[in-house]
Amino acid sequence: MSTVIGPYEERRRAPAADASRARVLSTRSVPPHQSLDFWHDAVLATLVGMDIATDGPTYDATLRTDHVGDLRITTVECDPGRVHRSPRLIARGDGRDVFVALQSTGRAQVEQDGRTTELRAGDIGFFETVRPFRTAFPERFQLRIFAVPRILLGRSEADVRQLTARAVRPNGGLPALLAPLLDRLADTSEAYRTPVAERLAGGVLDLMAATAADLLGEDPAVLPGADRVLLLRIKTFIRWRLSDSGLTPRAVAEAHGISVRYLHRLFEAEDTTVCQWIRQLRLHECRRELVVQAPGSVSLGQIARRWGFSSPARFSRAFRSAYGLSPTDWLDRERASRGTGAAAC
């Protein structure tokens, strides 16, 4: 027999959020007979009101929620079950956001706006929170849910109605970029701080908006911010290939079907050049690795080559030019100021 978790008004409120930005809630923190009530409260406090049904009296589930700029990111990992966003719960007025969800593992059978679809691992789905929806999870699953303020998505209610209950497959085009980016962002959200987080969130929102436009049959290239979307794609491409010493402006431009001149123009809008940006990223990663490695466990040359510098000498010159010290002198100063050789950058 199914166990159904009742409306939020009939349950206690979930505990207040931790003082830290990210928080984790797990049914394993309470006795098994309280797991369903606990999970209901956790979902209501973090996402929106939903009735939840399971096939047993207990439930094993965990959620982690964090913010990156204007994006609220929630990763849920749960046993099989069914959820229903009903008109009664919508009347509570907690549907301010559109959900952009990435199915990481398992499957989701989604019903909204008269359509049904199945999300498989890697698929993206749009959920409108001001209209009812049902979702069934026939097996244990992980889902990344990005709560997007609807005004920032830039779509009308009628547009969003066309996007719901459609499986967006990451087979090519913008979805092939968006899906792994969302997955990575959910995993690394705590690494970003203001203003980096705000700029990153803005780029992700642009990419979501461009993907939505593409699904609606519009040309994403004519949308405001199209250059920002392309720049985000290029920066993501560069981050994934930092270790390649052959990562030149020409290689980046050819990979994106644009001219080198146009590539430079994109970076000029951010008061930098593509070469400076690549070098800055490489130096940042080298600094981070220098301070986390145990003294003597790895050489400067190994770290330099790992992040795309063709030789230790080139790395040392670039490092001194950027920070005014050699890598060795900088590391000695960092360890002295922190009192440890294991602190993170």
C-alpha atoms as a PDB file:
ATOM      1  CA  MET A   1       0.000   0.000   0.000  1.00  0.00           C
ATOM      2  CA  SER A   2       1.276   3.471  -0.847  1.00  0.00           C
ATOM      3  CA  THR A   3       2.143   5.898   1.894  1.00  0.00           C
ATOM      4  CA  VAL A   4       1.081   9.470   1.117  1.00  0.00           C
ATOM      5  CA  ILE A   5       2.541  12.467   2.898  1.00  0.00           C
ATOM      6  CA  GLY A   6      -0.186  15.000   3.613  1.00  0.00           C
ATOM      7  CA  PRO A   7      -0.297  18.765   3.183  1.00  0.00           C
ATOM      8  CA  TYR A   8       2.317  21.007   4.685  1.00  0.00           C
ATOM      9  CA  GLU A   9      -0.155  22.870   6.880  1.00  0.00           C
ATOM     10  CA  GLU A  10      -0.750  19.668   8.832  1.00  0.00           C
ATOM     11  CA  ARG A  11       2.958  19.121   9.545  1.00  0.00           C
ATOM     12  CA  ARG A  12       5.605  20.884  11.567  1.00  0.00           C
ATOM     13  CA  ARG A  13       7.946  23.323   9.865  1.00  0.00           C
ATOM     14  CA  ALA A  14      11.409  22.142   8.885  1.00  0.00           C
ATOM     15  CA  PRO A  15      14.335  23.392  10.956  1.00  0.00           C
ATOM     16  CA  ALA A  16      15.723  26.784   9.981  1.00  0.00           C
ATOM     17  CA  ALA A  17      18.568  26.875   7.469  1.00  0.00           C
ATOM     18  CA  ASP A  18      22.124  26.653   8.724  1.00  0.00           C
ATOM     19  CA  ALA A  19      24.157  29.817   8.957  1.00  0.00           C
ATOM     20  CA  SER A  20      26.341  28.626   6.054  1.00  0.00           C
ATOM     21  CA  ARG A  21      25.188  29.156   2.494  1.00  0.00           C
ATOM     22  CA  ALA A  22      24.840  25.484   1.614  1.00  0.00           C
ATOM     23  CA  ARG A  23      22.892  22.979   3.663  1.00  0.00           C
ATOM     24  CA  VAL A  24      22.228  19.267   3.537  1.00  0.00           C
ATOM     25  CA  LEU A  25      19.065  17.553   4.820  1.00  0.00           C
ATOM     26  CA  SER A  26      18.780  13.773   5.037  1.00  0.00           C
ATOM     27  CA  THR A  27      16.100  11.408   6.273  1.00  0.00           C
ATOM     28  CA  ARG A  28      18.910   9.433   7.887  1.00  0.00           C
ATOM     29  CA  SER A  29      19.128  12.168  10.512  1.00  0.00           C
ATOM     30  CA  VAL A  30      15.793  11.100  12.042  1.00  0.00           C
ATOM     31  CA  PRO A  31      14.318   7.764  13.184  1.00  0.00           C
ATOM     32  CA  PRO A  32      13.006   5.683  10.223  1.00  0.00           C
ATOM     33  CA  HIS A  33       9.361   6.079  11.250  1.00  0.00           C
ATOM     34  CA  GLN A  34       9.750   9.878  10.954  1.00  0.00           C
ATOM     35  CA  SER A  35      11.501   9.853   7.568  1.00  0.00           C
ATOM     36  CA  LEU A  36       8.437  10.589   5.435  1.00  0.00           C
ATOM     37  CA  ASP A  37       7.298  13.529   7.527  1.00  0.00           C
ATOM     38  CA  PHE A  38      10.846  14.875   7.624  1.00  0.00           C
ATOM     39  CA  TRP A  39      11.227  14.624   3.849  1.00  0.00           C
ATOM     40  CA  HIS A  40       7.917  16.337   3.237  1.00  0.00           C
ATOM     41  CA  ASP A  41       9.001  19.264   5.402  1.00  0.00           C
ATOM     42  CA  ALA A  42      12.447  19.411   3.762  1.00  0.00           C
ATOM     43  CA  VAL A  43      10.973  19.558   0.243  1.00  0.00           C
ATOM     44  CA  LEU A  44       8.407  22.169   1.237  1.00  0.00           C
ATOM     45  CA  ALA A  45      10.998  24.379   2.909  1.00  0.00           C
ATOM     46  CA  THR A  46      13.469  24.085   0.016  1.00  0.00           C
ATOM     47  CA  LEU A  47      11.414  23.811  -3.190  1.00  0.00           C
ATOM     48  CA  VAL A  48       7.582  24.120  -3.328  1.00  0.00           C
ATOM     49  CA  GLY A  49       4.566  22.370  -1.871  1.00  0.00           C
ATOM     50  CA  MET A  50       4.138  18.821  -3.155  1.00  0.00           C
ATOM     51  CA  ASP A  51       2.261  15.724  -2.032  1.00  0.00           C
ATOM     52  CA  ILE A  52       4.676  12.798  -1.955  1.00  0.00           C
ATOM     53  CA  ALA A  53       3.719   9.124  -2.211  1.00  0.00           C
ATOM     54  CA  THR A  54       5.958   6.114  -1.634  1.00  0.00           C
ATOM     55  CA  ASP A  55       5.507   2.356  -1.639  1.00  0.00           C
ATOM     56  CA  GLY A  56       6.748   1.856   1.906  1.00  0.00           C
ATOM     57  CA  PRO A  57       6.476   3.363   5.383  1.00  0.00           C
ATOM     58  CA  THR A  58      10.029   4.746   5.337  1.00  0.00           C
ATOM     59  CA  TYR A  59      12.001   6.771   2.835  1.00  0.00           C
ATOM     60  CA  ASP A  60      15.741   7.204   2.188  1.00  0.00           C
ATOM     61  CA  ALA A  61      16.400  10.641   0.692  1.00  0.00           C
ATOM     62  CA  THR A  62      18.921  13.470   0.841  1.00  0.00           C
ATOM     63  CA  LEU A  63      18.948  17.001  -0.533  1.00  0.00           C
ATOM     64  CA  ARG A  64      21.678  19.583  -0.771  1.00  0.00           C
ATOM     65  CA  THR A  65      20.795  23.174  -1.556  1.00  0.00           C
ATOM     66  CA  ASP A  66      22.981  26.172  -2.345  1.00  0.00           C
ATOM     67  CA  HIS A  67      22.884  29.514  -4.168  1.00  0.00           C
ATOM     68  CA  VAL A  68      25.025  30.758  -7.038  1.00  0.00           C
ATOM     69  CA  GLY A  69      24.036  34.331  -7.758  1.00  0.00           C
ATOM     70  CA  ASP A  70      20.320  34.358  -8.571  1.00  0.00           C
ATOM     71  CA  LEU A  71      20.177  30.578  -8.998  1.00  0.00           C
ATOM     72  CA  ARG A  72      19.039  28.306  -6.164  1.00  0.00           C
ATOM     73  CA  ILE A  73      20.447  24.835  -6.784  1.00  0.00           C
ATOM     74  CA  THR A  74      19.009  21.748  -5.086  1.00  0.00           C
ATOM     75  CA  THR A  75      20.343  18.234  -5.630  1.00  0.00           C
ATOM     76  CA  VAL A  76      17.997  15.478  -4.443  1.00  0.00           C
ATOM     77  CA  GLU A  77      18.854  11.779  -4.247  1.00  0.00           C
ATOM     78  CA  CYS A  78      15.882   9.628  -3.329  1.00  0.00           C
ATOM     79  CA  ASP A  79      14.203   6.259  -3.279  1.00  0.00           C
ATOM     80  CA  PRO A  80      11.437   5.614  -5.859  1.00  0.00           C
ATOM     81  CA  GLY A  81       8.288   7.629  -5.336  1.00  0.00           C
ATOM     82  CA  ARG A  82       5.697   9.975  -6.812  1.00  0.00           C
ATOM     83  CA  VAL A  83       5.117  13.696  -6.358  1.00  0.00           C
ATOM     84  CA  HIS A  84       2.100  15.853  -7.171  1.00  0.00           C
ATOM     85  CA  ARG A  85       2.035  19.629  -7.275  1.00  0.00           C
ATOM     86  CA  SER A  86      -1.717  20.126  -6.826  1.00  0.00           C
ATOM     87  CA  PRO A  87      -3.890  23.254  -7.219  1.00  0.00           C
ATOM     88  CA  ARG A  88      -4.451  23.219  -3.447  1.00  0.00           C
ATOM     89  CA  LEU A  89      -0.718  23.591  -2.830  1.00  0.00           C
ATOM     90  CA  ILE A  90      -0.260  26.106  -5.661  1.00  0.00           C
ATOM     91  CA  ALA A  91      -2.762  28.336  -3.878  1.00  0.00           C
ATOM     92  CA  ARG A  92      -0.167  28.779  -1.124  1.00  0.00           C
ATOM     93  CA  GLY A  93       1.641  31.178  -3.478  1.00  0.00           C
ATOM     94  CA  ASP A  94       5.100  29.573  -3.342  1.00  0.00           C
ATOM     95  CA  GLY A  95       5.532  29.206  -7.123  1.00  0.00           C
ATOM     96  CA  ARG A  96       7.715  32.207  -7.850  1.00  0.00           C
ATOM     97  CA  ASP A  97      10.294  30.269  -9.872  1.00  0.00           C
ATOM     98  CA  VAL A  98      10.534  28.110 -12.958  1.00  0.00           C
ATOM     99  CA  PHE A  99      12.425  24.877 -12.317  1.00  0.00           C
ATOM    100  CA  VAL A 100      15.074  23.765 -14.812  1.00  0.00           C
ATOM    101  CA  ALA A 101      15.898  20.194 -13.805  1.00  0.00           C
ATOM    102  CA  LEU A 102      18.726  17.903 -14.856  1.00  0.00           C
ATOM    103  CA  GLN A 103      18.098  14.169 -14.457  1.00  0.00           C
ATOM    104  CA  SER A 104      21.483  12.896 -13.285  1.00  0.00           C
ATOM    105  CA  THR A 105      20.573   9.256 -12.635  1.00  0.00           C
ATOM    106  CA  GLY A 106      17.428   7.161 -12.856  1.00  0.00           C
ATOM    107  CA  ARG A 107      14.261   8.136 -14.712  1.00  0.00           C
ATOM    108  CA  ALA A 108      11.397  10.583 -14.215  1.00  0.00           C
ATOM    109  CA  GLN A 109       7.958  10.250 -15.799  1.00  0.00           C
ATOM    110  CA  VAL A 110       6.628  13.802 -16.025  1.00  0.00           C
ATOM    111  CA  GLU A 111       3.111  15.086 -16.653  1.00  0.00           C
ATOM    112  CA  GLN A 112       2.244  18.775 -17.038  1.00  0.00           C
ATOM    113  CA  ASP A 113       0.117  20.980 -19.284  1.00  0.00           C
ATOM    114  CA  GLY A 114      -1.526  18.001 -20.991  1.00  0.00           C
ATOM    115  CA  ARG A 115       1.757  16.365 -22.019  1.00  0.00           C
ATOM    116  CA  THR A 116       3.795  13.489 -20.654  1.00  0.00           C
ATOM    117  CA  THR A 117       7.435  12.584 -21.177  1.00  0.00           C
ATOM    118  CA  GLU A 118      10.217  10.575 -19.610  1.00  0.00           C
ATOM    119  CA  LEU A 119      13.463  12.164 -18.516  1.00  0.00           C
ATOM    120  CA  ARG A 120      16.459   9.859 -18.686  1.00  0.00           C
ATOM    121  CA  ALA A 121      19.950  10.390 -17.293  1.00  0.00           C
ATOM    122  CA  GLY A 122      21.425  13.542 -18.845  1.00  0.00           C
ATOM    123  CA  ASP A 123      18.081  15.015 -19.937  1.00  0.00           C
ATOM    124  CA  ILE A 124      16.862  18.497 -19.002  1.00  0.00           C
ATOM    125  CA  GLY A 125      13.243  19.324 -18.163  1.00  0.00           C
ATOM    126  CA  PHE A 126      11.357  22.573 -17.503  1.00  0.00           C
ATOM    127  CA  PHE A 127       8.762  22.647 -14.700  1.00  0.00           C
ATOM    128  CA  GLU A 128       6.238  25.467 -14.210  1.00  0.00           C
ATOM    129  CA  THR A 129       5.486  25.842 -10.500  1.00  0.00           C
ATOM    130  CA  VAL A 130       2.260  27.886 -10.847  1.00  0.00           C
ATOM    131  CA  ARG A 131       0.466  25.009 -12.584  1.00  0.00           C
ATOM    132  CA  PRO A 132      -0.046  21.412 -11.427  1.00  0.00           C
ATOM    133  CA  PHE A 133       2.402  18.680 -12.362  1.00  0.00           C
ATOM    134  CA  ARG A 134       2.950  15.032 -11.519  1.00  0.00           C
ATOM    135  CA  THR A 135       6.253  13.175 -11.580  1.00  0.00           C
ATOM    136  CA  ALA A 136       6.869   9.476 -10.945  1.00  0.00           C
ATOM    137  CA  PHE A 137      10.315   8.089 -10.194  1.00  0.00           C
ATOM    138  CA  PRO A 138      10.239   4.306 -10.757  1.00  0.00           C
ATOM    139  CA  GLU A 139      13.761   3.756  -9.416  1.00  0.00           C
ATOM    140  CA  ARG A 140      16.243   5.450  -7.122  1.00  0.00           C
ATOM    141  CA  PHE A 141      17.369   8.690  -8.747  1.00  0.00           C
ATOM    142  CA  GLN A 142      19.371  11.892  -8.509  1.00  0.00           C
ATOM    143  CA  LEU A 143      17.888  15.152  -9.781  1.00  0.00           C
ATOM    144  CA  ARG A 144      19.485  18.610  -9.993  1.00  0.00           C
ATOM    145  CA  ILE A 145      16.858  21.341  -9.688  1.00  0.00           C
ATOM    146  CA  PHE A 146      17.711  24.939 -10.615  1.00  0.00           C
ATOM    147  CA  ALA A 147      15.115  27.412  -9.350  1.00  0.00           C
ATOM    148  CA  VAL A 148      15.138  30.294 -11.842  1.00  0.00           C
ATOM    149  CA  PRO A 149      13.300  33.565 -11.116  1.00  0.00           C
ATOM    150  CA  ARG A 150      10.841  33.685 -13.978  1.00  0.00           C
ATOM    151  CA  ILE A 151      11.599  37.318 -14.768  1.00  0.00           C
ATOM    152  CA  LEU A 152      15.242  36.385 -15.395  1.00  0.00           C
ATOM    153  CA  LEU A 153      14.331  33.561 -17.758  1.00  0.00           C
ATOM    154  CA  GLY A 154      12.629  36.159 -19.926  1.00  0.00           C
ATOM    155  CA  ARG A 155       9.729  33.967 -21.073  1.00  0.00           C
ATOM    156  CA  SER A 156       5.992  34.580 -20.873  1.00  0.00           C
ATOM    157  CA  GLU A 157       3.657  32.142 -19.125  1.00  0.00           C
ATOM    158  CA  ALA A 158       2.472  30.984 -22.554  1.00  0.00           C
ATOM    159  CA  ASP A 159       6.067  30.295 -23.605  1.00  0.00           C
ATOM    160  CA  VAL A 160       6.824  28.309 -20.465  1.00  0.00           C
ATOM    161  CA  ARG A 161       3.643  26.280 -21.050  1.00  0.00           C
ATOM    162  CA  GLN A 162       5.201  25.093 -24.325  1.00  0.00           C
ATOM    163  CA  LEU A 163       8.448  24.079 -22.619  1.00  0.00           C
ATOM    164  CA  THR A 164       7.060  21.876 -19.850  1.00  0.00           C
ATOM    165  CA  ALA A 165       6.934  18.067 -20.020  1.00  0.00           C
ATOM    166  CA  ARG A 166       9.447  17.952 -22.859  1.00  0.00           C
ATOM    167  CA  ALA A 167      12.617  15.919 -22.539  1.00  0.00           C
ATOM    168  CA  VAL A 168      15.523  18.074 -23.705  1.00  0.00           C
ATOM    169  CA  ARG A 169      18.147  15.576 -24.840  1.00  0.00           C
ATOM    170  CA  PRO A 170      21.828  16.627 -24.668  1.00  0.00           C
ATOM    171  CA  ASN A 171      22.567  15.208 -28.123  1.00  0.00           C
ATOM    172  CA  GLY A 172      23.865  18.410 -29.670  1.00  0.00           C
ATOM    173  CA  GLY A 173      23.575  22.169 -29.854  1.00  0.00           C
ATOM    174  CA  LEU A 174      22.921  24.218 -26.734  1.00  0.00           C
ATOM    175  CA  PRO A 175      21.546  21.329 -24.619  1.00  0.00           C
ATOM    176  CA  ALA A 176      24.822  19.448 -25.106  1.00  0.00           C
ATOM    177  CA  LEU A 177      26.585  22.400 -23.481  1.00  0.00           C
ATOM    178  CA  LEU A 178      23.962  23.198 -20.856  1.00  0.00           C
ATOM    179  CA  ALA A 179      23.543  19.706 -19.380  1.00  0.00           C
ATOM    180  CA  PRO A 180      27.170  19.070 -18.321  1.00  0.00           C
ATOM    181  CA  LEU A 181      27.509  22.686 -17.211  1.00  0.00           C
ATOM    182  CA  LEU A 182      24.531  22.356 -14.841  1.00  0.00           C
ATOM    183  CA  ASP A 183      25.861  19.069 -13.515  1.00  0.00           C
ATOM    184  CA  ARG A 184      29.283  20.561 -12.830  1.00  0.00           C
ATOM    185  CA  LEU A 185      27.853  23.754 -11.340  1.00  0.00           C
ATOM    186  CA  ALA A 186      25.724  21.787  -8.877  1.00  0.00           C
ATOM    187  CA  ASP A 187      28.791  19.814  -7.763  1.00  0.00           C
ATOM    188  CA  THR A 188      31.065  22.846  -7.329  1.00  0.00           C
ATOM    189  CA  SER A 189      28.629  25.570  -6.200  1.00  0.00           C
ATOM    190  CA  GLU A 190      30.416  26.217  -2.904  1.00  0.00           C
ATOM    191  CA  ALA A 191      33.637  27.109  -4.747  1.00  0.00           C
ATOM    192  CA  TYR A 192      32.215  30.366  -6.139  1.00  0.00           C
ATOM    193  CA  ARG A 193      31.959  33.609  -4.216  1.00  0.00           C
ATOM    194  CA  THR A 194      30.539  36.999  -5.075  1.00  0.00           C
ATOM    195  CA  PRO A 195      31.114  38.600  -7.571  1.00  0.00           C
ATOM    196  CA  VAL A 196      32.319  35.495  -9.463  1.00  0.00           C
ATOM    197  CA  ALA A 197      29.123  33.636  -8.532  1.00  0.00           C
ATOM    198  CA  GLU A 198      26.932  36.455  -9.823  1.00  0.00           C
ATOM    199  CA  ARG A 199      28.737  36.612 -13.156  1.00  0.00           C
ATOM    200  CA  LEU A 200      28.652  32.834 -13.506  1.00  0.00           C
ATOM    201  CA  ALA A 201      24.946  32.715 -12.704  1.00  0.00           C
ATOM    202  CA  GLY A 202      24.299  35.436 -15.279  1.00  0.00           C
ATOM    203  CA  GLY A 203      26.040  33.400 -17.954  1.00  0.00           C
ATOM    204  CA  VAL A 204      24.138  30.237 -17.034  1.00  0.00           C
ATOM    205  CA  LEU A 205      20.849  32.140 -17.147  1.00  0.00           C
ATOM    206  CA  ASP A 206      21.750  33.445 -20.606  1.00  0.00           C
ATOM    207  CA  LEU A 207      22.435  29.898 -21.755  1.00  0.00           C
ATOM    208  CA  MET A 208      19.131  28.678 -20.284  1.00  0.00           C
ATOM    209  CA  ALA A 209      17.306  31.517 -22.056  1.00  0.00           C
ATOM    210  CA  ALA A 210      19.019  30.692 -25.350  1.00  0.00           C
ATOM    211  CA  THR A 211      18.133  27.012 -24.954  1.00  0.00           C
ATOM    212  CA  ALA A 212      14.502  27.922 -24.272  1.00  0.00           C
ATOM    213  CA  ALA A 213      14.437  30.149 -27.360  1.00  0.00           C
ATOM    214  CA  ASP A 214      15.861  27.335 -29.468  1.00  0.00           C
ATOM    215  CA  LEU A 215      13.207  24.904 -28.189  1.00  0.00           C
ATOM    216  CA  LEU A 216      10.508  27.435 -29.067  1.00  0.00           C
ATOM    217  CA  GLY A 217      11.796  27.700 -32.623  1.00  0.00           C
ATOM    218  CA  GLU A 218      13.404  31.106 -32.207  1.00  0.00           C
ATOM    219  CA  ASP A 219      16.939  32.029 -33.198  1.00  0.00           C
ATOM    220  CA  PRO A 220      19.040  32.286 -30.031  1.00  0.00           C
ATOM    221  CA  ALA A 221      21.561  34.414 -31.914  1.00  0.00           C
ATOM    222  CA  VAL A 222      19.120  37.326 -32.115  1.00  0.00           C
ATOM    223  CA  LEU A 223      18.357  37.362 -28.399  1.00  0.00           C
ATOM    224  CA  PRO A 224      19.823  40.114 -26.220  1.00  0.00           C
ATOM    225  CA  GLY A 225      22.923  38.742 -24.611  1.00  0.00           C
ATOM    226  CA  ALA A 226      23.736  36.326 -27.426  1.00  0.00           C
ATOM    227  CA  ASP A 227      27.384  37.384 -27.219  1.00  0.00           C
ATOM    228  CA  ARG A 228      27.348  36.569 -23.507  1.00  0.00           C
ATOM    229  CA  VAL A 229      26.024  33.091 -24.268  1.00  0.00           C
ATOM    230  CA  LEU A 230      28.776  32.514 -26.809  1.00  0.00           C
ATOM    231  CA  LEU A 231      31.387  33.874 -24.399  1.00  0.00           C
ATOM    232  CA  LEU A 232      30.148  31.475 -21.726  1.00  0.00           C
ATOM    233  CA  ARG A 233      30.476  28.582 -24.160  1.00  0.00           C
ATOM    234  CA  ILE A 234      34.014  29.651 -24.986  1.00  0.00           C
ATOM    235  CA  LYS A 235      35.020  30.057 -21.340  1.00  0.00           C
ATOM    236  CA  THR A 236      33.609  26.627 -20.522  1.00  0.00           C
ATOM    237  CA  PHE A 237      35.544  25.152 -23.451  1.00  0.00           C
ATOM    238  CA  ILE A 238      38.733  26.785 -22.194  1.00  0.00           C
ATOM    239  CA  ARG A 239      38.260  25.609 -18.599  1.00  0.00           C
ATOM    240  CA  TRP A 240      37.890  22.012 -19.761  1.00  0.00           C
ATOM    241  CA  ARG A 241      41.092  22.235 -21.825  1.00  0.00           C
ATOM    242  CA  LEU A 242      43.428  24.267 -19.627  1.00  0.00           C
ATOM    243  CA  SER A 243      45.940  21.417 -19.546  1.00  0.00           C
ATOM    244  CA  ASP A 244      46.400  21.607 -23.330  1.00  0.00           C
ATOM    245  CA  SER A 245      49.489  23.697 -24.048  1.00  0.00           C
ATOM    246  CA  GLY A 246      48.218  24.113 -27.614  1.00  0.00           C
ATOM    247  CA  LEU A 247      45.152  26.058 -26.455  1.00  0.00           C
ATOM    248  CA  THR A 248      45.658  29.114 -28.667  1.00  0.00           C
ATOM    249  CA  PRO A 249      43.185  31.811 -29.758  1.00  0.00           C
ATOM    250  CA  ARG A 250      43.066  30.237 -33.214  1.00  0.00           C
ATOM    251  CA  ALA A 251      42.250  26.794 -31.753  1.00  0.00           C
ATOM    252  CA  VAL A 252      39.482  28.284 -29.609  1.00  0.00           C
ATOM    253  CA  ALA A 253      38.031  30.280 -32.494  1.00  0.00           C
ATOM    254  CA  GLU A 254      38.036  27.308 -34.876  1.00  0.00           C
ATOM    255  CA  ALA A 255      36.316  25.117 -32.286  1.00  0.00           C
ATOM    256  CA  HIS A 256      33.433  27.626 -32.162  1.00  0.00           C
ATOM    257  CA  GLY A 257      33.213  28.477 -35.848  1.00  0.00           C
ATOM    258  CA  ILE A 258      34.187  32.122 -35.441  1.00  0.00           C
ATOM    259  CA  SER A 259      37.109  34.277 -36.523  1.00  0.00           C
ATOM    260  CA  VAL A 260      40.032  35.053 -34.232  1.00  0.00           C
ATOM    261  CA  ARG A 261      39.167  38.732 -34.592  1.00  0.00           C
ATOM    262  CA  TYR A 262      35.615  38.123 -33.336  1.00  0.00           C
ATOM    263  CA  LEU A 263      36.981  36.045 -30.443  1.00  0.00           C
ATOM    264  CA  HIS A 264      39.208  38.937 -29.365  1.00  0.00           C
ATOM    265  CA  ARG A 265      36.253  41.326 -29.597  1.00  0.00           C
ATOM    266  CA  LEU A 266      34.237  39.158 -27.184  1.00  0.00           C
ATOM    267  CA  PHE A 267      36.974  39.341 -24.572  1.00  0.00           C
ATOM    268  CA  GLU A 268      37.559  43.071 -25.133  1.00  0.00           C
ATOM    269  CA  ALA A 269      34.077  43.650 -23.699  1.00  0.00           C
ATOM    270  CA  GLU A 270      35.436  42.268 -20.400  1.00  0.00           C
ATOM    271  CA  ASP A 271      38.601  44.399 -20.465  1.00  0.00           C
ATOM    272  CA  THR A 272      40.912  41.462 -21.083  1.00  0.00           C
ATOM    273  CA  THR A 273      42.230  39.288 -23.891  1.00  0.00           C
ATOM    274  CA  VAL A 274      41.728  35.600 -24.470  1.00  0.00           C
ATOM    275  CA  CYS A 275      45.419  34.929 -23.805  1.00  0.00           C
ATOM    276  CA  GLN A 276      45.359  36.906 -20.571  1.00  0.00           C
ATOM    277  CA  TRP A 277      42.244  35.063 -19.428  1.00  0.00           C
ATOM    278  CA  ILE A 278      43.750  31.643 -20.167  1.00  0.00           C
ATOM    279  CA  ARG A 279      46.975  32.591 -18.385  1.00  0.00           C
ATOM    280  CA  GLN A 280      45.055  33.936 -15.381  1.00  0.00           C
ATOM    281  CA  LEU A 281      43.080  30.697 -15.070  1.00  0.00           C
ATOM    282  CA  ARG A 282      46.215  28.585 -15.338  1.00  0.00           C
ATOM    283  CA  LEU A 283      48.019  30.633 -12.705  1.00  0.00           C
ATOM    284  CA  HIS A 284      45.022  30.424 -10.394  1.00  0.00           C
ATOM    285  CA  GLU A 285      44.929  26.634 -10.673  1.00  0.00           C
ATOM    286  CA  CYS A 286      48.695  26.401 -10.153  1.00  0.00           C
ATOM    287  CA  ARG A 287      48.483  28.567  -7.028  1.00  0.00           C
ATOM    288  CA  ARG A 288      45.632  26.465  -5.669  1.00  0.00           C
ATOM    289  CA  GLU A 289      47.579  23.249  -6.237  1.00  0.00           C
ATOM    290  CA  LEU A 290      50.798  24.637  -4.789  1.00  0.00           C
ATOM    291  CA  VAL A 291      49.240  25.288  -1.397  1.00  0.00           C
ATOM    292  CA  VAL A 292      47.279  22.031  -1.117  1.00  0.00           C
ATOM    293  CA  GLN A 293      50.136  19.705  -2.051  1.00  0.00           C
ATOM    294  CA  ALA A 294      52.338  18.416   0.744  1.00  0.00           C
ATOM    295  CA  PRO A 295      55.832  20.013   0.652  1.00  0.00           C
ATOM    296  CA  GLY A 296      58.120  18.066  -1.675  1.00  0.00           C
ATOM    297  CA  SER A 297      55.371  15.804  -3.003  1.00  0.00           C
ATOM    298  CA  VAL A 298      55.267  17.377  -6.464  1.00  0.00           C
ATOM    299  CA  SER A 299      57.604  19.607  -8.451  1.00  0.00           C
ATOM    300  CA  LEU A 300      56.861  23.048  -9.897  1.00  0.00           C
ATOM    301  CA  GLY A 301      57.406  21.585 -13.352  1.00  0.00           C
ATOM    302  CA  GLN A 302      54.768  18.906 -12.810  1.00  0.00           C
ATOM    303  CA  ILE A 303      52.222  21.451 -11.649  1.00  0.00           C
ATOM    304  CA  ALA A 304      53.064  23.837 -14.484  1.00  0.00           C
ATOM    305  CA  ARG A 305      52.645  21.184 -17.182  1.00  0.00           C
ATOM    306  CA  ARG A 306      49.465  19.850 -15.579  1.00  0.00           C
ATOM    307  CA  TRP A 307      47.840  23.244 -16.180  1.00  0.00           C
ATOM    308  CA  GLY A 308      49.089  23.865 -19.688  1.00  0.00           C
ATOM    309  CA  PHE A 309      52.408  25.711 -19.302  1.00  0.00           C
ATOM    310  CA  SER A 310      54.884  24.347 -21.827  1.00  0.00           C
ATOM    311  CA  SER A 311      57.861  24.619 -19.446  1.00  0.00           C
ATOM    312  CA  PRO A 312      58.719  25.517 -15.849  1.00  0.00           C
ATOM    313  CA  ALA A 313      60.566  28.597 -17.097  1.00  0.00           C
ATOM    314  CA  ARG A 314      57.465  29.961 -18.862  1.00  0.00           C
ATOM    315  CA  PHE A 315      55.414  29.281 -15.747  1.00  0.00           C
ATOM    316  CA  SER A 316      57.908  31.074 -13.494  1.00  0.00           C
ATOM    317  CA  ARG A 317      58.046  34.128 -15.768  1.00  0.00           C
ATOM    318  CA  ALA A 318      54.251  34.348 -15.975  1.00  0.00           C
ATOM    319  CA  PHE A 319      53.923  33.879 -12.220  1.00  0.00           C
ATOM    320  CA  ARG A 320      56.470  36.588 -11.382  1.00  0.00           C
ATOM    321  CA  SER A 321      54.870  38.966 -13.872  1.00  0.00           C
ATOM    322  CA  ALA A 322      51.436  38.465 -12.295  1.00  0.00           C
ATOM    323  CA  TYR A 323      52.338  38.369  -8.593  1.00  0.00           C
ATOM    324  CA  GLY A 324      55.760  40.010  -8.305  1.00  0.00           C
ATOM    325  CA  LEU A 325      57.351  36.911  -6.748  1.00  0.00           C
ATOM    326  CA  SER A 326      58.710  33.607  -7.923  1.00  0.00           C
ATOM    327  CA  PRO A 327      56.406  30.600  -7.287  1.00  0.00           C
ATOM    328  CA  THR A 328      58.755  29.367  -4.536  1.00  0.00           C
ATOM    329  CA  ASP A 329      58.934  32.732  -2.749  1.00  0.00           C
ATOM    330  CA  TRP A 330      55.170  33.199  -3.027  1.00  0.00           C
ATOM    331  CA  LEU A 331      54.532  29.731  -1.582  1.00  0.00           C
ATOM    332  CA  ASP A 332      56.927  30.345   1.327  1.00  0.00           C
ATOM    333  CA  ARG A 333      55.115  33.591   2.123  1.00  0.00           C
ATOM    334  CA  GLU A 334      51.696  31.926   1.910  1.00  0.00           C
ATOM    335  CA  ARG A 335      52.698  29.105   4.232  1.00  0.00           C
ATOM    336  CA  ALA A 336      54.195  31.536   6.702  1.00  0.00           C
ATOM    337  CA  SER A 337      51.068  33.743   6.723  1.00  0.00           C
ATOM    338  CA  ARG A 338      48.696  30.779   7.078  1.00  0.00           C
ATOM    339  CA  GLY A 339      50.810  28.841   9.498  1.00  0.00           C
ATOM    340  CA  THR A 340      50.237  25.636   7.475  1.00  0.00           C
ATOM    341  CA  GLY A 341      51.181  24.116   4.173  1.00  0.00           C
ATOM    342  CA  ALA A 342      47.766  22.546   3.631  1.00  0.00           C
ATOM    343  CA  ALA A 343      45.454  25.544   3.444  1.00  0.00           C
ATOM    344  CA  ALA A 344      43.412  26.070   0.297  1.00  0.00           C
ATOM    345  CA  CYS A 345      43.742  29.103  -1.917  1.00  0.00           C
END
